[in-house]
Amino acid sequence: MHRTATVTRRTTETSIVLTVGLDGTGRADIATGLGFFDHMLTLLAGHSLLDLTIRCEGDLHVDGHHTVEDVGRALGQAVREALGERRGIRRYGHFTLPMDETLATVAVDLGGRAATVFHVPFPVPSIGTFDTQLVEVFWEGFASAAGANVHAVLHHGHNAHHIAEAVFKAAARAIRMAVESDPRQPGIPSTKGSLTV
């Protein structure tokens, strides 16, 4: 299979070119101008086995919000386009991931409807210069554009870097599971017979 998509998104706030390959090896080539965000996206690619290329120029003189949100939306759109009819996929994925003292669970449904539930409190407002609120902003943008449910729960943890990393890695593993081919169900994974955004 060659489930790939390229999305170009340009606004007055960001300029993004993003390519995703769902059946990749986890190759990442990412430059957003936000070092910590690049780190999280590299982890996302590596643990989901998505091949991911991202170039983003954003209004970082304002802050990182538009860059993070719009990259989330572009990734969600690219995943949606690469999935096509979503025929033959597992659709659902979930993973509970330990990251040192942190434990987080993320569950994903690629069923075509968008929802985000994010119960991940951060103990500090920033990781370096990266606003911790932007972790939720990214996943909201992704879910909205992908037509996905994304639920994230922090069970425990007190190091903000570890918390963010656990969420991105758990989400990556959940997405990996959800986009995988299901040999027992080659059709649309819904009793309704269709999945729409």
N, C-alpha and C. Protein backbone atom coordinates (compact mmCIF):
# COMPACT_ATOMS: atom_id res chain seq x y z
N MET A 1 0.83 -1.19 0.00
CA MET A 1 0.00 0.00 0.00
C MET A 1 0.87 1.25 0.00
N HIS A 2 0.35 2.30 -0.56
CA HIS A 2 1.04 3.58 -0.57
C HIS A 2 0.04 4.65 -0.14
N ARG A 3 -0.27 4.65 1.14
CA ARG A 3 -1.24 5.61 1.66
C ARG A 3 -0.48 6.86 2.10
N THR A 4 -0.42 7.82 1.20
CA THR A 4 0.31 9.05 1.46
C THR A 4 -0.56 10.25 1.10
N ALA A 5 -0.21 11.39 1.64
CA ALA A 5 -0.89 12.63 1.28
C ALA A 5 0.04 13.80 1.59
N THR A 6 -0.07 14.83 0.79
CA THR A 6 0.65 16.08 1.01
C THR A 6 -0.36 17.21 1.13
N VAL A 7 -0.19 18.02 2.16
CA VAL A 7 -1.08 19.15 2.43
C VAL A 7 -0.26 20.42 2.43
N THR A 8 -0.75 21.41 1.71
CA THR A 8 -0.18 22.75 1.75
C THR A 8 -1.21 23.68 2.37
N ARG A 9 -0.81 24.36 3.42
CA ARG A 9 -1.72 25.25 4.14
C ARG A 9 -1.04 26.61 4.31
N ARG A 10 -1.66 27.65 3.78
CA ARG A 10 -1.09 28.99 3.89
C ARG A 10 -2.15 29.96 4.38
N THR A 11 -1.82 30.65 5.46
CA THR A 11 -2.67 31.71 5.99
C THR A 11 -1.77 32.91 6.28
N THR A 12 -2.36 33.97 6.83
CA THR A 12 -1.54 35.11 7.22
C THR A 12 -0.69 34.79 8.44
N GLU A 13 -0.97 33.66 9.10
CA GLU A 13 -0.27 33.29 10.33
C GLU A 13 0.78 32.20 10.14
N THR A 14 0.53 31.28 9.20
CA THR A 14 1.47 30.18 8.99
C THR A 14 1.53 29.80 7.51
N SER A 15 2.65 29.20 7.14
CA SER A 15 2.82 28.58 5.83
C SER A 15 3.38 27.19 6.07
N ILE A 16 2.62 26.17 5.66
CA ILE A 16 2.95 24.78 5.99
C ILE A 16 2.91 23.91 4.74
N VAL A 17 3.91 23.07 4.59
CA VAL A 17 3.88 21.96 3.64
C VAL A 17 4.17 20.70 4.45
N LEU A 18 3.25 19.76 4.40
CA LEU A 18 3.34 18.55 5.23
C LEU A 18 3.02 17.33 4.39
N THR A 19 3.85 16.32 4.50
CA THR A 19 3.61 15.04 3.83
C THR A 19 3.62 13.92 4.86
N VAL A 20 2.63 13.03 4.75
CA VAL A 20 2.55 11.89 5.65
C VAL A 20 2.44 10.61 4.83
N GLY A 21 3.14 9.58 5.29
CA GLY A 21 3.00 8.24 4.73
C GLY A 21 2.58 7.30 5.85
N LEU A 22 1.40 6.72 5.73
CA LEU A 22 0.85 5.90 6.81
C LEU A 22 1.55 4.55 6.95
N ASP A 23 2.19 4.10 5.90
CA ASP A 23 2.82 2.78 5.91
C ASP A 23 4.34 2.91 5.87
N GLY A 24 4.84 3.79 6.71
CA GLY A 24 6.26 4.11 6.67
C GLY A 24 7.08 3.36 7.70
N THR A 25 8.20 3.97 8.03
CA THR A 25 9.15 3.38 8.98
C THR A 25 9.43 4.32 10.16
N GLY A 26 8.72 5.44 10.21
CA GLY A 26 8.93 6.41 11.28
C GLY A 26 9.94 7.48 10.95
N ARG A 27 10.22 7.65 9.66
CA ARG A 27 11.19 8.67 9.24
C ARG A 27 10.60 10.06 9.49
N ALA A 28 11.39 10.95 10.07
CA ALA A 28 10.93 12.30 10.37
C ALA A 28 11.90 13.33 9.82
N ASP A 29 11.37 14.33 9.14
CA ASP A 29 12.14 15.46 8.64
C ASP A 29 11.31 16.70 8.94
N ILE A 30 11.57 17.32 10.07
CA ILE A 30 10.63 18.29 10.64
C ILE A 30 11.34 19.59 11.01
N ALA A 31 10.75 20.71 10.61
CA ALA A 31 11.26 22.03 10.98
C ALA A 31 10.07 22.97 11.12
N THR A 32 9.75 23.32 12.37
CA THR A 32 8.63 24.24 12.63
C THR A 32 9.10 25.55 13.26
N GLY A 33 10.36 25.62 13.64
CA GLY A 33 10.84 26.79 14.34
C GLY A 33 10.70 26.71 15.84
N LEU A 34 10.06 25.64 16.33
CA LEU A 34 9.88 25.41 17.77
C LEU A 34 10.59 24.11 18.13
N GLY A 35 11.73 24.21 18.79
CA GLY A 35 12.55 23.03 19.04
C GLY A 35 11.84 21.94 19.81
N PHE A 36 11.13 22.29 20.87
CA PHE A 36 10.45 21.27 21.66
C PHE A 36 9.35 20.61 20.84
N PHE A 37 8.63 21.39 20.05
CA PHE A 37 7.57 20.85 19.20
C PHE A 37 8.15 19.90 18.15
N ASP A 38 9.27 20.27 17.55
CA ASP A 38 9.95 19.38 16.60
C ASP A 38 10.30 18.05 17.27
N HIS A 39 10.75 18.12 18.52
CA HIS A 39 11.08 16.92 19.29
C HIS A 39 9.85 16.03 19.46
N MET A 40 8.71 16.63 19.82
CA MET A 40 7.48 15.86 20.00
C MET A 40 7.01 15.24 18.68
N LEU A 41 7.11 15.99 17.60
CA LEU A 41 6.67 15.47 16.30
C LEU A 41 7.58 14.36 15.80
N THR A 42 8.86 14.45 16.13
CA THR A 42 9.80 13.38 15.78
C THR A 42 9.46 12.10 16.55
N LEU A 43 9.11 12.26 17.84
CA LEU A 43 8.66 11.11 18.62
C LEU A 43 7.37 10.53 18.04
N LEU A 44 6.47 11.41 17.64
CA LEU A 44 5.20 10.96 17.04
C LEU A 44 5.45 10.11 15.80
N ALA A 45 6.32 10.58 14.93
CA ALA A 45 6.64 9.80 13.73
C ALA A 45 7.28 8.47 14.09
N GLY A 46 8.26 8.51 14.98
CA GLY A 46 9.01 7.30 15.32
C GLY A 46 8.16 6.22 15.95
N HIS A 47 7.21 6.61 16.79
CA HIS A 47 6.41 5.60 17.49
C HIS A 47 5.14 5.20 16.74
N SER A 48 4.71 6.03 15.79
CA SER A 48 3.55 5.65 14.97
C SER A 48 3.97 4.90 13.71
N LEU A 49 5.26 5.00 13.37
CA LEU A 49 5.82 4.50 12.11
C LEU A 49 5.23 5.22 10.90
N LEU A 50 4.71 6.43 11.13
CA LEU A 50 4.35 7.30 10.01
C LEU A 50 5.63 7.97 9.51
N ASP A 51 5.77 8.07 8.19
CA ASP A 51 6.81 8.92 7.64
C ASP A 51 6.25 10.34 7.59
N LEU A 52 7.01 11.29 8.11
CA LEU A 52 6.46 12.63 8.30
C LEU A 52 7.49 13.68 7.91
N THR A 53 7.11 14.51 6.96
CA THR A 53 7.92 15.65 6.56
C THR A 53 7.10 16.92 6.78
N ILE A 54 7.66 17.86 7.53
CA ILE A 54 6.93 19.09 7.84
C ILE A 54 7.88 20.28 7.69
N ARG A 55 7.41 21.27 6.96
CA ARG A 55 8.06 22.57 6.91
C ARG A 55 7.00 23.61 7.29
N CYS A 56 7.28 24.36 8.34
CA CYS A 56 6.34 25.38 8.79
C CYS A 56 7.07 26.67 9.08
N GLU A 57 6.56 27.75 8.53
CA GLU A 57 7.01 29.09 8.90
C GLU A 57 5.81 29.79 9.52
N GLY A 58 5.92 30.12 10.80
CA GLY A 58 4.79 30.71 11.51
C GLY A 58 5.14 32.03 12.15
N ASP A 59 4.13 32.69 12.67
CA ASP A 59 4.31 33.99 13.30
C ASP A 59 4.81 33.82 14.74
N LEU A 60 6.01 33.29 14.85
CA LEU A 60 6.58 33.00 16.17
C LEU A 60 6.92 34.27 16.94
N HIS A 61 6.93 35.41 16.27
CA HIS A 61 7.11 36.68 16.99
C HIS A 61 5.89 36.99 17.86
N VAL A 62 4.74 36.36 17.53
CA VAL A 62 3.54 36.48 18.37
C VAL A 62 3.65 35.47 19.51
N ASP A 63 3.58 34.19 19.15
CA ASP A 63 3.87 33.06 20.05
C ASP A 63 3.76 31.79 19.22
N GLY A 64 3.77 30.64 19.87
CA GLY A 64 3.76 29.38 19.13
C GLY A 64 2.38 28.84 18.81
N HIS A 65 1.33 29.52 19.25
CA HIS A 65 -0.02 28.96 19.15
C HIS A 65 -0.42 28.63 17.71
N HIS A 66 -0.29 29.59 16.81
CA HIS A 66 -0.75 29.37 15.43
C HIS A 66 0.05 28.27 14.75
N THR A 67 1.35 28.24 15.02
CA THR A 67 2.19 27.20 14.43
C THR A 67 1.74 25.82 14.89
N VAL A 68 1.56 25.64 16.19
CA VAL A 68 1.21 24.32 16.73
C VAL A 68 -0.19 23.92 16.27
N GLU A 69 -1.14 24.82 16.36
CA GLU A 69 -2.51 24.49 15.96
C GLU A 69 -2.60 24.15 14.48
N ASP A 70 -1.95 24.95 13.64
CA ASP A 70 -2.06 24.73 12.20
C ASP A 70 -1.31 23.49 11.74
N VAL A 71 -0.19 23.16 12.38
CA VAL A 71 0.48 21.90 12.07
C VAL A 71 -0.41 20.73 12.47
N GLY A 72 -1.08 20.83 13.61
CA GLY A 72 -2.03 19.79 14.01
C GLY A 72 -3.13 19.61 12.97
N ARG A 73 -3.67 20.73 12.51
CA ARG A 73 -4.73 20.66 11.49
C ARG A 73 -4.21 20.08 10.17
N ALA A 74 -3.01 20.49 9.78
CA ALA A 74 -2.45 19.98 8.53
C ALA A 74 -2.18 18.48 8.63
N LEU A 75 -1.67 18.03 9.78
CA LEU A 75 -1.44 16.59 9.95
C LEU A 75 -2.75 15.83 9.94
N GLY A 76 -3.76 16.35 10.62
CA GLY A 76 -5.06 15.70 10.61
C GLY A 76 -5.64 15.59 9.21
N GLN A 77 -5.54 16.68 8.45
CA GLN A 77 -6.04 16.67 7.07
C GLN A 77 -5.29 15.65 6.22
N ALA A 78 -3.97 15.60 6.39
CA ALA A 78 -3.16 14.66 5.60
C ALA A 78 -3.50 13.22 5.95
N VAL A 79 -3.68 12.92 7.23
CA VAL A 79 -4.07 11.56 7.64
C VAL A 79 -5.44 11.22 7.06
N ARG A 80 -6.37 12.16 7.13
CA ARG A 80 -7.71 11.92 6.58
C ARG A 80 -7.64 11.61 5.08
N GLU A 81 -6.86 12.40 4.36
CA GLU A 81 -6.75 12.19 2.90
C GLU A 81 -6.04 10.88 2.60
N ALA A 82 -5.01 10.54 3.36
CA ALA A 82 -4.27 9.30 3.11
C ALA A 82 -5.13 8.07 3.40
N LEU A 83 -6.06 8.19 4.35
CA LEU A 83 -6.95 7.07 4.70
C LEU A 83 -8.02 6.82 3.64
N GLY A 84 -8.37 7.83 2.87
CA GLY A 84 -9.42 7.67 1.87
C GLY A 84 -10.74 7.29 2.51
N GLU A 85 -11.35 6.21 2.05
CA GLU A 85 -12.63 5.74 2.61
C GLU A 85 -12.49 5.08 3.97
N ARG A 86 -11.26 4.92 4.41
CA ARG A 86 -10.94 4.24 5.68
C ARG A 86 -11.27 2.75 5.61
N ARG A 87 -11.34 2.25 4.41
CA ARG A 87 -11.64 0.84 4.20
C ARG A 87 -10.48 -0.03 4.69
N GLY A 88 -10.82 -1.09 5.45
CA GLY A 88 -9.83 -2.08 5.85
C GLY A 88 -8.96 -1.70 7.03
N ILE A 89 -9.21 -0.55 7.67
CA ILE A 89 -8.38 -0.18 8.82
C ILE A 89 -8.99 -0.70 10.12
N ARG A 90 -8.17 -0.76 11.14
CA ARG A 90 -8.68 -1.18 12.46
C ARG A 90 -9.59 -0.11 13.06
N ARG A 91 -9.37 1.14 12.71
CA ARG A 91 -10.16 2.29 13.12
C ARG A 91 -9.88 2.76 14.54
N TYR A 92 -9.85 1.86 15.50
CA TYR A 92 -9.63 2.21 16.90
C TYR A 92 -8.19 1.86 17.31
N GLY A 93 -7.67 2.68 18.19
CA GLY A 93 -6.36 2.39 18.77
C GLY A 93 -6.27 2.99 20.15
N HIS A 94 -5.47 2.36 20.99
CA HIS A 94 -5.28 2.87 22.35
C HIS A 94 -3.94 2.40 22.86
N PHE A 95 -3.37 3.18 23.78
CA PHE A 95 -2.09 2.79 24.34
C PHE A 95 -1.90 3.48 25.68
N THR A 96 -1.40 2.75 26.65
CA THR A 96 -1.00 3.31 27.93
C THR A 96 0.51 3.24 28.01
N LEU A 97 1.13 4.40 28.21
CA LEU A 97 2.57 4.50 28.09
C LEU A 97 3.21 5.04 29.36
N PRO A 98 4.19 4.30 29.91
CA PRO A 98 4.98 4.83 31.03
C PRO A 98 6.16 5.64 30.49
N MET A 99 6.40 6.78 31.12
CA MET A 99 7.56 7.60 30.80
C MET A 99 8.17 8.03 32.12
N ASP A 100 9.08 7.21 32.63
CA ASP A 100 9.65 7.41 33.96
C ASP A 100 8.53 7.45 35.01
N GLU A 101 8.36 8.57 35.71
CA GLU A 101 7.33 8.65 36.76
C GLU A 101 5.93 8.91 36.21
N THR A 102 5.83 9.09 34.91
CA THR A 102 4.58 9.48 34.27
C THR A 102 3.91 8.28 33.62
N LEU A 103 2.56 8.27 33.68
CA LEU A 103 1.77 7.25 32.99
C LEU A 103 0.60 7.93 32.32
N ALA A 104 0.47 7.73 31.01
CA ALA A 104 -0.60 8.37 30.24
C ALA A 104 -1.24 7.36 29.30
N THR A 105 -2.54 7.54 29.09
CA THR A 105 -3.29 6.73 28.13
C THR A 105 -3.88 7.64 27.06
N VAL A 106 -3.78 7.22 25.81
CA VAL A 106 -4.45 7.90 24.71
C VAL A 106 -5.23 6.86 23.92
N ALA A 107 -6.49 7.20 23.61
CA ALA A 107 -7.35 6.35 22.78
C ALA A 107 -7.81 7.17 21.58
N VAL A 108 -7.86 6.53 20.42
CA VAL A 108 -8.17 7.20 19.16
C VAL A 108 -9.23 6.41 18.42
N ASP A 109 -10.20 7.12 17.84
CA ASP A 109 -11.16 6.54 16.90
C ASP A 109 -11.08 7.33 15.62
N LEU A 110 -10.71 6.70 14.53
CA LEU A 110 -10.65 7.35 13.22
C LEU A 110 -11.96 7.15 12.47
N GLY A 111 -13.07 7.30 13.17
CA GLY A 111 -14.38 7.00 12.62
C GLY A 111 -15.05 8.11 11.86
N GLY A 112 -14.40 9.27 11.73
CA GLY A 112 -14.97 10.33 10.91
C GLY A 112 -15.59 11.48 11.67
N ARG A 113 -15.74 11.35 12.97
CA ARG A 113 -16.32 12.43 13.76
C ARG A 113 -15.26 12.95 14.72
N ALA A 114 -15.23 14.27 14.88
CA ALA A 114 -14.18 14.90 15.66
C ALA A 114 -14.62 15.15 17.10
N ALA A 115 -13.76 14.79 18.03
CA ALA A 115 -13.95 15.12 19.44
C ALA A 115 -12.61 14.99 20.14
N THR A 116 -12.37 15.87 21.10
CA THR A 116 -11.15 15.79 21.90
C THR A 116 -11.52 15.90 23.37
N VAL A 117 -11.04 14.96 24.15
CA VAL A 117 -11.18 15.01 25.61
C VAL A 117 -9.77 14.90 26.16
N PHE A 118 -9.34 15.92 26.90
CA PHE A 118 -7.94 16.02 27.29
C PHE A 118 -7.85 16.27 28.78
N HIS A 119 -7.62 15.21 29.53
CA HIS A 119 -7.47 15.30 30.99
C HIS A 119 -5.99 15.11 31.33
N VAL A 120 -5.20 16.12 30.97
CA VAL A 120 -3.75 16.07 31.17
C VAL A 120 -3.30 17.38 31.80
N PRO A 121 -3.34 17.47 33.12
CA PRO A 121 -2.86 18.69 33.78
C PRO A 121 -1.34 18.75 33.79
N PHE A 122 -0.82 19.93 33.50
CA PHE A 122 0.63 20.15 33.56
C PHE A 122 0.97 20.92 34.83
N PRO A 123 2.06 20.55 35.49
CA PRO A 123 2.41 21.21 36.75
C PRO A 123 3.03 22.59 36.57
N VAL A 124 3.46 22.91 35.35
CA VAL A 124 4.08 24.22 35.08
C VAL A 124 3.51 24.76 33.77
N PRO A 125 3.54 26.08 33.56
CA PRO A 125 2.94 26.66 32.36
C PRO A 125 3.79 26.51 31.10
N SER A 126 5.07 26.18 31.25
CA SER A 126 5.91 26.07 30.06
C SER A 126 7.01 25.05 30.27
N ILE A 127 7.46 24.51 29.14
CA ILE A 127 8.63 23.63 29.09
C ILE A 127 9.67 24.40 28.29
N GLY A 128 10.63 24.98 28.97
CA GLY A 128 11.50 25.95 28.29
C GLY A 128 10.64 27.13 27.87
N THR A 129 10.61 27.41 26.57
CA THR A 129 9.75 28.48 26.05
C THR A 129 8.45 27.96 25.45
N PHE A 130 8.22 26.66 25.54
CA PHE A 130 7.03 26.05 24.92
C PHE A 130 5.87 26.05 25.92
N ASP A 131 4.76 26.67 25.54
CA ASP A 131 3.57 26.76 26.38
C ASP A 131 2.92 25.37 26.47
N THR A 132 2.78 24.84 27.68
CA THR A 132 2.24 23.49 27.83
C THR A 132 0.79 23.38 27.36
N GLN A 133 0.03 24.48 27.33
CA GLN A 133 -1.34 24.44 26.81
C GLN A 133 -1.39 24.03 25.35
N LEU A 134 -0.28 24.21 24.65
CA LEU A 134 -0.25 23.91 23.22
C LEU A 134 -0.28 22.42 22.91
N VAL A 135 0.02 21.59 23.89
CA VAL A 135 -0.10 20.15 23.67
C VAL A 135 -1.56 19.81 23.36
N GLU A 136 -2.47 20.32 24.17
CA GLU A 136 -3.90 20.10 23.91
C GLU A 136 -4.33 20.76 22.61
N VAL A 137 -3.84 21.96 22.34
CA VAL A 137 -4.18 22.68 21.11
C VAL A 137 -3.82 21.86 19.88
N PHE A 138 -2.65 21.23 19.91
CA PHE A 138 -2.22 20.40 18.78
C PHE A 138 -3.20 19.26 18.54
N TRP A 139 -3.55 18.54 19.61
CA TRP A 139 -4.41 17.37 19.43
C TRP A 139 -5.84 17.76 19.08
N GLU A 140 -6.30 18.92 19.54
CA GLU A 140 -7.61 19.42 19.11
C GLU A 140 -7.60 19.71 17.61
N GLY A 141 -6.53 20.35 17.13
CA GLY A 141 -6.42 20.63 15.70
C GLY A 141 -6.36 19.37 14.87
N PHE A 142 -5.57 18.40 15.34
CA PHE A 142 -5.48 17.12 14.63
C PHE A 142 -6.84 16.44 14.55
N ALA A 143 -7.52 16.30 15.70
CA ALA A 143 -8.80 15.59 15.74
C ALA A 143 -9.83 16.26 14.85
N SER A 144 -9.87 17.58 14.88
CA SER A 144 -10.85 18.33 14.09
C SER A 144 -10.67 18.06 12.60
N ALA A 145 -9.43 18.11 12.12
CA ALA A 145 -9.18 17.95 10.69
C ALA A 145 -9.18 16.49 10.25
N ALA A 146 -8.80 15.58 11.14
CA ALA A 146 -8.74 14.15 10.78
C ALA A 146 -10.11 13.50 10.82
N GLY A 147 -11.06 14.11 11.53
CA GLY A 147 -12.32 13.42 11.80
C GLY A 147 -12.06 12.28 12.76
N ALA A 148 -11.46 12.63 13.90
CA ALA A 148 -11.04 11.62 14.87
C ALA A 148 -11.51 11.99 16.26
N ASN A 149 -11.73 10.98 17.07
CA ASN A 149 -11.85 11.17 18.51
C ASN A 149 -10.45 10.96 19.09
N VAL A 150 -10.02 11.87 19.95
CA VAL A 150 -8.76 11.73 20.67
C VAL A 150 -9.04 11.96 22.14
N HIS A 151 -8.83 10.93 22.94
CA HIS A 151 -9.00 11.03 24.39
C HIS A 151 -7.64 10.80 25.04
N ALA A 152 -7.24 11.73 25.89
CA ALA A 152 -5.95 11.61 26.58
C ALA A 152 -6.17 11.77 28.07
N VAL A 153 -5.58 10.88 28.84
CA VAL A 153 -5.72 10.89 30.30
C VAL A 153 -4.33 10.71 30.92
N LEU A 154 -4.00 11.60 31.85
CA LEU A 154 -2.79 11.45 32.64
C LEU A 154 -3.15 10.76 33.95
N HIS A 155 -2.57 9.59 34.18
CA HIS A 155 -2.83 8.85 35.41
C HIS A 155 -2.00 9.40 36.56
N HIS A 156 -0.71 9.66 36.29
CA HIS A 156 0.14 10.33 37.26
C HIS A 156 1.41 10.79 36.57
N GLY A 157 2.06 11.75 37.18
CA GLY A 157 3.29 12.30 36.64
C GLY A 157 3.48 13.72 37.15
N HIS A 158 4.76 14.15 37.29
CA HIS A 158 5.00 15.50 37.78
C HIS A 158 6.04 16.26 36.98
N ASN A 159 6.71 15.60 36.04
CA ASN A 159 7.68 16.27 35.18
C ASN A 159 6.99 16.64 33.88
N ALA A 160 6.91 17.93 33.58
CA ALA A 160 6.13 18.39 32.42
C ALA A 160 6.66 17.84 31.10
N HIS A 161 7.98 17.75 30.97
CA HIS A 161 8.56 17.20 29.74
C HIS A 161 8.12 15.74 29.58
N HIS A 162 8.20 14.98 30.65
CA HIS A 162 7.79 13.58 30.59
C HIS A 162 6.30 13.44 30.27
N ILE A 163 5.48 14.32 30.82
CA ILE A 163 4.04 14.27 30.57
C ILE A 163 3.75 14.51 29.09
N ALA A 164 4.33 15.56 28.52
CA ALA A 164 4.12 15.83 27.10
C ALA A 164 4.61 14.68 26.24
N GLU A 165 5.78 14.16 26.58
CA GLU A 165 6.35 13.06 25.81
C GLU A 165 5.49 11.81 25.90
N ALA A 166 4.98 11.52 27.08
CA ALA A 166 4.11 10.34 27.24
C ALA A 166 2.85 10.47 26.40
N VAL A 167 2.28 11.67 26.36
CA VAL A 167 1.06 11.89 25.56
C VAL A 167 1.35 11.69 24.08
N PHE A 168 2.43 12.29 23.58
CA PHE A 168 2.74 12.16 22.15
C PHE A 168 3.09 10.71 21.78
N LYS A 169 3.84 10.03 22.64
CA LYS A 169 4.19 8.65 22.33
C LYS A 169 2.97 7.73 22.40
N ALA A 170 2.13 7.91 23.42
CA ALA A 170 0.92 7.08 23.53
C ALA A 170 -0.01 7.34 22.36
N ALA A 171 -0.15 8.61 21.96
CA ALA A 171 -0.99 8.93 20.80
C ALA A 171 -0.43 8.30 19.54
N ALA A 172 0.90 8.34 19.41
CA ALA A 172 1.54 7.73 18.24
C ALA A 172 1.23 6.24 18.15
N ARG A 173 1.35 5.55 19.28
CA ARG A 173 1.07 4.11 19.29
C ARG A 173 -0.40 3.83 19.01
N ALA A 174 -1.29 4.69 19.52
CA ALA A 174 -2.73 4.52 19.27
C ALA A 174 -3.04 4.74 17.79
N ILE A 175 -2.45 5.76 17.20
CA ILE A 175 -2.66 6.03 15.77
C ILE A 175 -2.10 4.89 14.93
N ARG A 176 -0.94 4.41 15.30
CA ARG A 176 -0.34 3.26 14.59
C ARG A 176 -1.31 2.08 14.56
N MET A 177 -1.92 1.79 15.69
CA MET A 177 -2.89 0.70 15.76
C MET A 177 -4.12 0.99 14.91
N ALA A 178 -4.61 2.23 14.98
CA ALA A 178 -5.86 2.57 14.30
C ALA A 178 -5.74 2.56 12.78
N VAL A 179 -4.58 2.94 12.22
CA VAL A 179 -4.44 3.00 10.76
C VAL A 179 -4.02 1.67 10.16
N GLU A 180 -3.65 0.70 11.02
CA GLU A 180 -3.22 -0.60 10.50
C GLU A 180 -4.35 -1.31 9.75
N SER A 181 -3.96 -2.12 8.78
CA SER A 181 -4.92 -2.93 8.05
C SER A 181 -5.43 -4.06 8.93
N ASP A 182 -6.70 -4.32 8.84
CA ASP A 182 -7.33 -5.41 9.57
C ASP A 182 -7.68 -6.52 8.58
N PRO A 183 -6.92 -7.61 8.56
CA PRO A 183 -7.15 -8.66 7.57
C PRO A 183 -8.50 -9.34 7.72
N ARG A 184 -9.12 -9.23 8.89
CA ARG A 184 -10.42 -9.87 9.11
C ARG A 184 -11.58 -9.00 8.65
N GLN A 185 -11.30 -7.72 8.39
CA GLN A 185 -12.39 -6.83 7.97
C GLN A 185 -11.88 -5.90 6.87
N PRO A 186 -11.92 -6.37 5.63
CA PRO A 186 -11.38 -5.57 4.54
C PRO A 186 -12.26 -4.40 4.13
N GLY A 187 -13.49 -4.36 4.60
CA GLY A 187 -14.41 -3.30 4.21
C GLY A 187 -14.37 -2.11 5.16
N ILE A 188 -15.45 -1.35 5.15
CA ILE A 188 -15.57 -0.18 6.01
C ILE A 188 -15.78 -0.67 7.45
N PRO A 189 -14.97 -0.22 8.41
CA PRO A 189 -15.10 -0.69 9.80
C PRO A 189 -16.22 0.03 10.56
N SER A 190 -17.44 -0.17 10.07
CA SER A 190 -18.61 0.43 10.71
C SER A 190 -19.83 -0.38 10.34
N THR A 191 -20.72 -0.60 11.30
CA THR A 191 -21.96 -1.32 11.01
C THR A 191 -22.90 -0.48 10.14
N LYS A 192 -22.63 0.83 10.05
CA LYS A 192 -23.44 1.70 9.19
C LYS A 192 -23.04 1.58 7.73
N GLY A 193 -21.83 1.06 7.48
CA GLY A 193 -21.38 0.86 6.12
C GLY A 193 -20.64 2.05 5.53
N SER A 194 -20.49 3.12 6.30
CA SER A 194 -19.72 4.26 5.80
C SER A 194 -19.15 5.03 6.98
N LEU A 195 -18.04 5.69 6.71
CA LEU A 195 -17.42 6.59 7.68
C LEU A 195 -17.21 7.91 6.97
N THR A 196 -17.80 8.96 7.52
CA THR A 196 -17.70 10.28 6.89
C THR A 196 -17.17 11.28 7.89
N VAL A 197 -16.56 12.33 7.34
CA VAL A 197 -16.05 13.41 8.17
C VAL A 197 -17.12 14.49 8.28
